[in-house]
Amino acid sequence: MVVGNAIESVRNGEASVEDAILHAAVHGWYEGHIQGEDECPGCDFRGGLPKNGNRG
């Protein structure tokens, strides 16, 4: 959906290619962040879990 919206915004003249790429990158990161929060509410770590660590 994010990539499709970026392509469409370039095709209809709403955004330059650079703007569409930046917009897609930001929204792609944000959607991944939201999904991560949904999977592990309250987690405060970055990267992989420590060895033998439990999630959440």
C-alpha atoms as a PDB file:
ATOM      1  CA  MET A   1       0.000   0.000   0.000  1.00  0.00           C
ATOM      2  CA  VAL A   2       2.792   2.463   0.904  1.00  0.00           C
ATOM      3  CA  VAL A   3       4.690   1.778  -2.327  1.00  0.00           C
ATOM      4  CA  GLY A   4       1.502   1.862  -4.401  1.00  0.00           C
ATOM      5  CA  ASN A   5       0.601   5.255  -2.957  1.00  0.00           C
ATOM      6  CA  ALA A   6       4.107   6.552  -3.708  1.00  0.00           C
ATOM      7  CA  ILE A   7       3.896   5.397  -7.329  1.00  0.00           C
ATOM      8  CA  GLU A   8       0.449   6.909  -7.753  1.00  0.00           C
ATOM      9  CA  SER A   9       1.542  10.257  -6.285  1.00  0.00           C
ATOM     10  CA  VAL A  10       4.358  10.467  -8.861  1.00  0.00           C
ATOM     11  CA  ARG A  11       2.090   9.435 -11.737  1.00  0.00           C
ATOM     12  CA  ASN A  12      -0.543  12.045 -10.956  1.00  0.00           C
ATOM     13  CA  GLY A  13       2.012  14.806 -10.339  1.00  0.00           C
ATOM     14  CA  GLU A  14       1.407  15.227  -6.596  1.00  0.00           C
ATOM     15  CA  ALA A  15       5.035  14.415  -5.722  1.00  0.00           C
ATOM     16  CA  SER A  16       8.470  14.196  -7.288  1.00  0.00           C
ATOM     17  CA  VAL A  17      10.194  10.818  -7.358  1.00  0.00           C
ATOM     18  CA  GLU A  18      12.464  11.935  -4.505  1.00  0.00           C
ATOM     19  CA  ASP A  19       9.504  13.079  -2.395  1.00  0.00           C
ATOM     20  CA  ALA A  20       7.650   9.824  -3.033  1.00  0.00           C
ATOM     21  CA  ILE A  21      10.682   7.728  -2.030  1.00  0.00           C
ATOM     22  CA  LEU A  22      11.169   9.724   1.174  1.00  0.00           C
ATOM     23  CA  HIS A  23       7.475   9.499   2.002  1.00  0.00           C
ATOM     24  CA  ALA A  24       7.447   5.718   1.429  1.00  0.00           C
ATOM     25  CA  ALA A  25      10.581   5.221   3.542  1.00  0.00           C
ATOM     26  CA  VAL A  26       9.176   7.177   6.479  1.00  0.00           C
ATOM     27  CA  HIS A  27       5.787   5.504   6.349  1.00  0.00           C
ATOM     28  CA  GLY A  28       7.326   2.058   5.895  1.00  0.00           C
ATOM     29  CA  TRP A  29       9.451   2.591   9.006  1.00  0.00           C
ATOM     30  CA  TYR A  30       6.477   3.916  10.957  1.00  0.00           C
ATOM     31  CA  GLU A  31       4.222   0.990  10.052  1.00  0.00           C
ATOM     32  CA  GLY A  32       6.960  -1.443  11.110  1.00  0.00           C
ATOM     33  CA  HIS A  33       7.363   0.428  14.383  1.00  0.00           C
ATOM     34  CA  ILE A  34       3.635   0.236  15.088  1.00  0.00           C
ATOM     35  CA  GLN A  35       3.581  -3.482  14.291  1.00  0.00           C
ATOM     36  CA  GLY A  36       6.502  -4.023  16.665  1.00  0.00           C
ATOM     37  CA  GLU A  37       4.683  -2.204  19.450  1.00  0.00           C
ATOM     38  CA  ASP A  38       1.604  -4.345  18.843  1.00  0.00           C
ATOM     39  CA  GLU A  39       3.691  -7.524  19.041  1.00  0.00           C
ATOM     40  CA  CYS A  40       5.512  -6.530  22.225  1.00  0.00           C
ATOM     41  CA  PRO A  41       3.760  -3.801  24.222  1.00  0.00           C
ATOM     42  CA  GLY A  42       6.009  -2.248  26.810  1.00  0.00           C
ATOM     43  CA  CYS A  43       9.262  -3.560  25.324  1.00  0.00           C
ATOM     44  CA  ASP A  44      12.086  -1.059  25.624  1.00  0.00           C
ATOM     45  CA  PHE A  45      14.924  -2.809  23.803  1.00  0.00           C
ATOM     46  CA  ARG A  46      16.391  -2.418  20.334  1.00  0.00           C
ATOM     47  CA  GLY A  47      17.743  -5.200  18.190  1.00  0.00           C
ATOM     48  CA  GLY A  48      17.768  -8.853  19.066  1.00  0.00           C
ATOM     49  CA  LEU A  49      16.767 -10.324  22.370  1.00  0.00           C
ATOM     50  CA  PRO A  50      19.514 -11.323  24.784  1.00  0.00           C
ATOM     51  CA  LYS A  51      20.453 -14.986  24.743  1.00  0.00           C
ATOM     52  CA  ASN A  52      17.730 -17.017  26.481  1.00  0.00           C
ATOM     53  CA  GLY A  53      15.665 -13.846  26.879  1.00  0.00           C
ATOM     54  CA  ASN A  54      11.884 -13.873  26.875  1.00  0.00           C
ATOM     55  CA  ARG A  55       9.808 -11.463  24.896  1.00  0.00           C
ATOM     56  CA  GLY A  56       7.556  -9.033  26.777  1.00  0.00           C
END
